[in-house]
Amino acid sequence: MFHGEAVSWLKQLLFITTIIISGCGTDSSSPQEPENDPPEPEGFVDVTFLGNHGVMLDDGENKVMIDGMHNGGDSVGLWSAISPAQCVLLQAADAPFDNIDVTMVTHNLSDHYNVGIIGHYLFNSPETQMLAPSGVRDSIATFGDYASISDQVVMTVNPAVNGRSQATINGLSIDVLNMQHFNENCTDCGRNYAYMLTLGELKILHLGDADMLDSDNINNFDLAAEDIDILFLATPYPEFVTAAQRDVLNSWINPGQIVAMHLNIAQQSDIISNISNVYPEATILTTPMSVIRFEAKDFVN
């Protein structure tokens, strides 16, 4: 190689080296930390169906029951219920019905609660508290050994008509909504309490037998802003499952998941058919003691 050619070659090598060192032609910005996605929710709720409009909800830490302490009501064969053997376990507060933090009743009709069952349960589970409208509380006061359970009956939660109260009971924060029952002519019903609470990172609303089509009954509650994950919905008769009700439900609550319950046994097939058409994504509960798990990760937007 000639001397001139060697010098030229060395200049080119130095130039290339300078480019590499200086970072020319490459991204010289500081390296970016990878973005960390928010952790996936790990919560869950196990829903045990207790017949008619009753459920037991368990997230592994807390356990509640809503409209679950009944035997099907006074009209035999009209509404589903747990078996007599299971009812014995319930009254004794034995597994799987043990360690209930709060038992709630939505309104004063026999297909939603039974005085004897609640009375015996509270007697056998002294840590359990009961939340219910005044008419239900008055009935529970007729239990033979009421004096031994009276301090378990919450007397201080009394939301005004079309109003809302918040209570913390056994560590659980519960919103109580005082609503009109769908049967305005039912003088025995009293008021209907809907219950809203969070379990397993999931916000849950049990409406009881609230009138869904009366605007005066529902406009007082801004539930669309609550981000309800699971809604327990009464579908007692075929005529209660309509497009009009669906439209109100979607605009008023817009829940992540509908759980349809409270199906009249004689009309069950027609009700299920209507639910499948109107709420095709709904979960339908018909078999007492069936268990469904809802996981919080499935409700992430």
Protein backbone atom coordinates (compact mmCIF):
# COMPACT_ATOMS: atom_id res chain seq x y z
CA MET A 1 0.00 0.00 0.00
CA PHE A 2 1.34 3.42 -0.91
CA HIS A 3 1.95 5.96 1.82
CA GLY A 4 -0.81 8.29 0.58
CA GLU A 5 -3.30 5.49 0.44
CA ALA A 6 -2.41 4.45 4.02
CA VAL A 7 -2.99 7.98 5.32
CA SER A 8 -6.33 8.18 3.53
CA TRP A 9 -7.39 4.82 4.95
CA LEU A 10 -6.43 5.92 8.49
CA LYS A 11 -8.44 9.13 8.13
CA GLN A 12 -11.51 7.18 7.08
CA LEU A 13 -11.07 4.81 10.03
CA LEU A 14 -10.78 7.70 12.48
CA PHE A 15 -13.88 9.33 10.98
CA ILE A 16 -15.95 6.18 11.36
CA THR A 17 -14.70 5.71 14.91
CA THR A 18 -15.68 9.28 15.77
CA ILE A 19 -19.18 8.68 14.41
CA ILE A 20 -19.59 5.53 16.52
CA ILE A 21 -18.29 7.19 19.69
CA SER A 22 -20.38 10.32 19.26
CA GLY A 23 -23.52 8.29 18.69
CA CYS A 24 -24.25 9.97 15.37
CA GLY A 25 -26.92 8.12 13.49
CA THR A 26 -28.19 6.42 16.65
CA ASP A 27 -30.77 7.34 19.33
CA SER A 28 -28.67 9.32 21.78
CA SER A 29 -31.53 9.93 24.21
CA SER A 30 -31.47 8.36 27.63
CA PRO A 31 -32.90 4.85 27.75
CA GLN A 32 -36.58 4.78 28.78
CA GLU A 33 -37.81 2.67 31.61
CA PRO A 34 -40.43 0.18 30.41
CA GLU A 35 -43.97 1.21 31.32
CA ASN A 36 -45.41 -1.01 34.00
CA ASP A 37 -49.03 -2.03 33.55
CA PRO A 38 -51.17 -1.71 36.67
CA PRO A 39 -51.34 -4.97 38.62
CA GLU A 40 -54.18 -7.24 37.65
CA PRO A 41 -56.92 -7.38 40.32
CA GLU A 42 -56.82 -10.58 42.33
CA GLY A 43 -60.18 -10.31 44.10
CA PHE A 44 -63.13 -12.61 43.63
CA VAL A 45 -66.63 -13.25 44.96
CA ASP A 46 -68.23 -16.67 45.29
CA VAL A 47 -72.00 -16.44 44.89
CA THR A 48 -74.04 -19.25 46.45
CA PHE A 49 -77.67 -19.21 45.32
CA LEU A 50 -80.07 -19.77 48.23
CA GLY A 51 -83.32 -19.93 46.30
CA ASN A 52 -85.72 -17.20 45.16
CA HIS A 53 -83.85 -13.90 45.65
CA GLY A 54 -81.32 -15.14 48.18
CA VAL A 55 -77.54 -15.18 47.84
CA MET A 56 -74.53 -15.76 50.06
CA LEU A 57 -71.47 -13.76 48.98
CA ASP A 58 -67.96 -14.77 50.07
CA ASP A 59 -64.68 -13.13 49.02
CA GLY A 60 -62.45 -15.24 51.26
CA GLU A 61 -62.37 -12.59 53.98
CA ASN A 62 -65.96 -11.50 54.45
CA LYS A 63 -69.25 -13.30 54.03
CA VAL A 64 -72.69 -11.73 53.72
CA MET A 65 -76.18 -13.00 52.99
CA ILE A 66 -79.00 -11.11 51.29
CA ASP A 67 -82.59 -12.43 51.33
CA GLY A 68 -81.15 -15.89 52.01
CA MET A 69 -82.81 -16.92 55.27
CA HIS A 70 -86.17 -18.10 53.94
CA ASN A 71 -87.96 -21.34 53.19
CA GLY A 72 -89.69 -20.33 49.96
CA GLY A 73 -92.45 -18.31 51.56
CA ASP A 74 -96.07 -18.98 52.48
CA SER A 75 -97.10 -20.00 48.93
CA VAL A 76 -95.67 -23.50 48.67
CA GLY A 77 -94.09 -24.29 45.31
CA LEU A 78 -94.15 -20.71 44.04
CA TRP A 79 -90.52 -19.80 44.77
CA SER A 80 -87.37 -21.93 45.03
CA ALA A 81 -85.62 -22.60 48.35
CA ILE A 82 -82.81 -24.67 49.81
CA SER A 83 -83.65 -28.20 50.96
CA PRO A 84 -84.93 -28.96 54.50
CA ALA A 85 -81.59 -30.60 55.34
CA GLN A 86 -79.70 -27.51 54.21
CA CYS A 87 -82.14 -25.34 56.17
CA VAL A 88 -81.22 -27.25 59.34
CA LEU A 89 -77.56 -26.41 58.72
CA LEU A 90 -78.50 -22.78 58.08
CA GLN A 91 -80.43 -22.41 61.33
CA ALA A 92 -77.54 -24.00 63.22
CA ALA A 93 -75.02 -21.62 61.55
CA ASP A 94 -73.07 -24.66 60.39
CA ALA A 95 -70.90 -24.82 57.27
CA PRO A 96 -71.27 -23.64 54.59
CA PHE A 97 -73.44 -21.03 56.32
CA ASP A 98 -71.07 -20.25 59.17
CA ASN A 99 -69.30 -16.96 59.88
CA ILE A 100 -71.80 -14.62 58.21
CA ASP A 101 -70.78 -11.03 58.99
CA VAL A 102 -74.07 -9.42 57.98
CA THR A 103 -77.40 -10.88 56.92
CA MET A 104 -79.67 -8.46 55.07
CA VAL A 105 -83.36 -8.54 54.18
CA THR A 106 -84.76 -6.34 51.42
CA HIS A 107 -88.43 -6.16 52.44
CA ASN A 108 -91.21 -7.58 54.55
CA LEU A 109 -92.51 -10.56 52.56
CA SER A 110 -92.23 -14.21 53.61
CA ASP A 111 -90.49 -15.38 50.42
CA HIS A 112 -87.50 -13.22 51.38
CA TYR A 113 -87.09 -14.11 55.06
CA ASN A 114 -88.40 -16.34 57.83
CA VAL A 115 -88.53 -15.25 61.48
CA GLY A 116 -87.57 -18.65 62.88
CA ILE A 117 -84.65 -19.19 60.55
CA ILE A 118 -83.19 -15.73 61.21
CA GLY A 119 -83.82 -15.97 64.93
CA HIS A 120 -82.09 -19.33 65.28
CA TYR A 121 -79.21 -18.25 63.05
CA LEU A 122 -78.51 -15.13 65.08
CA PHE A 123 -78.75 -17.13 68.31
CA ASN A 124 -76.19 -19.65 67.01
CA SER A 125 -73.94 -17.01 65.42
CA PRO A 126 -73.65 -14.20 67.98
CA GLU A 127 -71.18 -12.18 65.89
CA THR A 128 -73.60 -11.86 62.96
CA GLN A 129 -75.52 -8.60 62.53
CA MET A 130 -78.89 -8.22 60.77
CA LEU A 131 -79.83 -5.28 58.57
CA ALA A 132 -83.46 -4.86 57.44
CA PRO A 133 -86.37 -2.42 57.11
CA SER A 134 -88.44 -1.67 60.20
CA GLY A 135 -91.29 -4.02 59.24
CA VAL A 136 -88.89 -6.97 59.13
CA ARG A 137 -87.32 -5.93 62.43
CA ASP A 138 -90.75 -5.80 64.05
CA SER A 139 -91.41 -9.36 62.87
CA ILE A 140 -88.05 -10.61 64.16
CA ALA A 141 -88.99 -9.16 67.56
CA THR A 142 -91.65 -11.90 67.79
CA PHE A 143 -88.95 -14.60 67.91
CA GLY A 144 -89.30 -16.56 71.13
CA ASP A 145 -85.84 -15.77 72.45
CA TYR A 146 -85.58 -12.30 70.97
CA ALA A 147 -83.94 -10.87 74.09
CA SER A 148 -80.84 -12.95 73.40
CA ILE A 149 -80.43 -11.65 69.83
CA SER A 150 -81.82 -8.11 70.05
CA ASP A 151 -78.38 -6.49 70.11
CA GLN A 152 -77.60 -8.16 66.75
CA VAL A 153 -80.50 -6.40 65.02
CA VAL A 154 -79.26 -3.07 63.63
CA MET A 155 -81.82 -0.41 64.59
CA THR A 156 -79.91 2.72 63.56
CA VAL A 157 -80.09 2.44 59.75
CA ASN A 158 -83.34 4.01 58.55
CA PRO A 159 -82.94 5.85 55.24
CA ALA A 160 -85.75 8.23 54.33
CA VAL A 161 -88.18 7.36 51.55
CA ASN A 162 -86.23 7.55 48.28
CA GLY A 163 -83.13 8.27 50.36
CA ARG A 164 -79.80 6.58 51.05
CA SER A 165 -77.90 5.76 54.22
CA GLN A 166 -74.41 4.40 54.72
CA ALA A 167 -73.47 2.03 57.52
CA THR A 168 -70.32 0.21 58.56
CA ILE A 169 -71.24 -3.14 60.08
CA ASN A 170 -68.64 -5.69 61.17
CA GLY A 171 -66.10 -3.75 59.11
CA LEU A 172 -68.18 -3.72 55.92
CA SER A 173 -69.32 -0.47 54.35
CA ILE A 174 -72.88 -0.86 53.07
CA ASP A 175 -75.08 1.65 51.25
CA VAL A 176 -78.81 1.20 51.90
CA LEU A 177 -81.28 2.62 49.37
CA ASN A 178 -84.92 3.02 50.41
CA MET A 179 -86.97 2.27 47.28
CA GLN A 180 -90.53 1.49 46.25
CA HIS A 181 -91.47 -2.19 45.84
CA PHE A 182 -92.63 -3.08 42.31
CA ASN A 183 -96.09 -3.91 43.70
CA GLU A 184 -97.41 -0.55 44.88
CA ASN A 185 -100.60 -2.22 46.12
CA CYS A 186 -98.71 -4.58 48.44
CA THR A 187 -99.60 -3.15 51.83
CA ASP A 188 -97.54 -5.83 53.60
CA CYS A 189 -94.36 -5.09 51.65
CA GLY A 190 -93.44 -1.86 53.36
CA ARG A 191 -90.43 -0.26 51.76
CA ASN A 192 -87.82 -2.15 49.72
CA TYR A 193 -84.17 -1.78 50.71
CA ALA A 194 -81.52 -2.20 48.02
CA TYR A 195 -78.00 -2.93 49.25
CA MET A 196 -74.70 -1.83 47.68
CA LEU A 197 -71.28 -2.94 48.91
CA THR A 198 -67.81 -3.94 47.69
CA LEU A 199 -66.44 -7.46 48.13
CA GLY A 200 -63.36 -8.94 46.48
CA GLU A 201 -62.69 -5.65 44.63
CA LEU A 202 -66.13 -5.94 43.00
CA LYS A 203 -68.95 -3.46 43.58
CA ILE A 204 -72.23 -5.28 44.08
CA LEU A 205 -75.84 -4.06 44.04
CA HIS A 206 -78.77 -6.21 45.17
CA LEU A 207 -81.96 -4.36 44.21
CA GLY A 208 -84.43 -6.53 46.05
CA ASP A 209 -87.87 -6.07 44.49
CA ALA A 210 -87.38 -2.45 43.49
CA ASP A 211 -89.73 -0.93 40.93
CA MET A 212 -87.51 -0.46 37.89
CA LEU A 213 -89.97 1.42 35.69
CA ASP A 214 -91.09 4.18 38.06
CA SER A 215 -88.93 7.20 37.29
CA ASP A 216 -89.77 8.77 40.67
CA ASN A 217 -88.38 5.65 42.30
CA ILE A 218 -85.06 5.54 40.49
CA ASN A 219 -84.06 9.09 39.60
CA ASN A 220 -82.99 9.84 43.16
CA PHE A 221 -80.07 7.44 42.89
CA ASP A 222 -77.19 8.25 40.55
CA LEU A 223 -76.15 4.62 40.23
CA ALA A 224 -74.65 4.93 36.75
CA ALA A 225 -71.78 6.81 38.40
CA GLU A 226 -71.16 3.99 40.88
CA ASP A 227 -69.51 1.60 38.38
CA ILE A 228 -71.57 -1.38 39.50
CA ASP A 229 -69.85 -4.64 38.59
CA ILE A 230 -72.53 -7.16 39.58
CA LEU A 231 -76.27 -6.46 39.72
CA PHE A 232 -78.67 -8.94 41.30
CA LEU A 233 -81.94 -8.39 39.44
CA ALA A 234 -85.42 -9.67 40.27
CA THR A 235 -87.09 -11.31 37.26
CA PRO A 236 -90.16 -12.87 38.94
CA TYR A 237 -92.52 -13.00 35.95
CA PRO A 238 -92.13 -12.91 32.13
CA GLU A 239 -93.65 -9.43 31.92
CA PHE A 240 -90.85 -8.10 34.14
CA VAL A 241 -88.24 -8.91 31.50
CA THR A 242 -88.79 -6.39 28.72
CA ALA A 243 -86.85 -4.11 26.41
CA ALA A 244 -88.28 -1.13 28.31
CA GLN A 245 -86.82 -2.42 31.57
CA ARG A 246 -83.51 -3.16 29.85
CA ASP A 247 -83.29 0.39 28.51
CA VAL A 248 -83.94 1.85 31.95
CA LEU A 249 -81.42 -0.53 33.49
CA ASN A 250 -78.70 0.33 30.99
CA SER A 251 -79.15 4.08 31.37
CA TRP A 252 -79.70 4.09 35.13
CA ILE A 253 -77.15 1.51 36.29
CA ASN A 254 -75.20 0.08 33.31
CA PRO A 255 -73.80 -2.86 35.33
CA GLY A 256 -70.90 -5.02 34.24
CA GLN A 257 -72.80 -8.26 34.89
CA ILE A 258 -76.47 -9.00 35.50
CA VAL A 259 -77.47 -11.93 37.69
CA ALA A 260 -81.14 -12.76 37.16
CA MET A 261 -82.98 -14.34 40.10
CA HIS A 262 -86.38 -14.64 41.80
CA LEU A 263 -88.03 -16.70 39.03
CA ASN A 264 -91.58 -17.94 39.55
CA ILE A 265 -91.27 -21.74 39.32
CA ALA A 266 -94.42 -22.26 37.24
CA GLN A 267 -93.32 -19.67 34.65
CA GLN A 268 -89.59 -20.35 34.79
CA SER A 269 -89.16 -21.50 31.19
CA ASP A 270 -90.90 -18.39 29.80
CA ILE A 271 -88.87 -16.11 32.07
CA ILE A 272 -85.61 -17.75 31.00
CA SER A 273 -86.59 -17.36 27.36
CA ASN A 274 -87.23 -13.64 27.86
CA ILE A 275 -83.96 -13.18 29.78
CA SER A 276 -82.03 -14.88 26.98
CA ASN A 277 -83.52 -12.41 24.49
CA VAL A 278 -83.38 -9.23 26.54
CA TYR A 279 -80.23 -9.86 28.61
CA PRO A 280 -78.27 -12.40 26.54
CA GLU A 281 -75.12 -12.02 28.68
CA ALA A 282 -76.92 -12.43 32.02
CA THR A 283 -76.22 -15.20 34.49
CA ILE A 284 -79.45 -16.93 35.54
CA LEU A 285 -79.73 -18.59 38.96
CA THR A 286 -82.32 -21.36 39.26
CA THR A 287 -80.71 -24.21 41.26
CA PRO A 288 -80.36 -23.62 45.02
CA MET A 289 -76.85 -24.16 46.43
CA SER A 290 -75.22 -23.71 43.02
CA VAL A 291 -72.03 -21.65 43.29
CA ILE A 292 -70.60 -19.20 40.76
CA ARG A 293 -67.28 -17.37 41.09
CA PHE A 294 -66.83 -13.87 39.69
CA GLU A 295 -63.23 -12.64 39.41
CA ALA A 296 -62.28 -8.98 39.55
CA LYS A 297 -59.80 -9.33 36.67
CA ASP A 298 -62.71 -10.10 34.33
CA PHE A 299 -64.29 -6.69 35.05
CA VAL A 300 -61.28 -4.53 34.20
CA ASN A 301 -62.12 -2.11 31.35
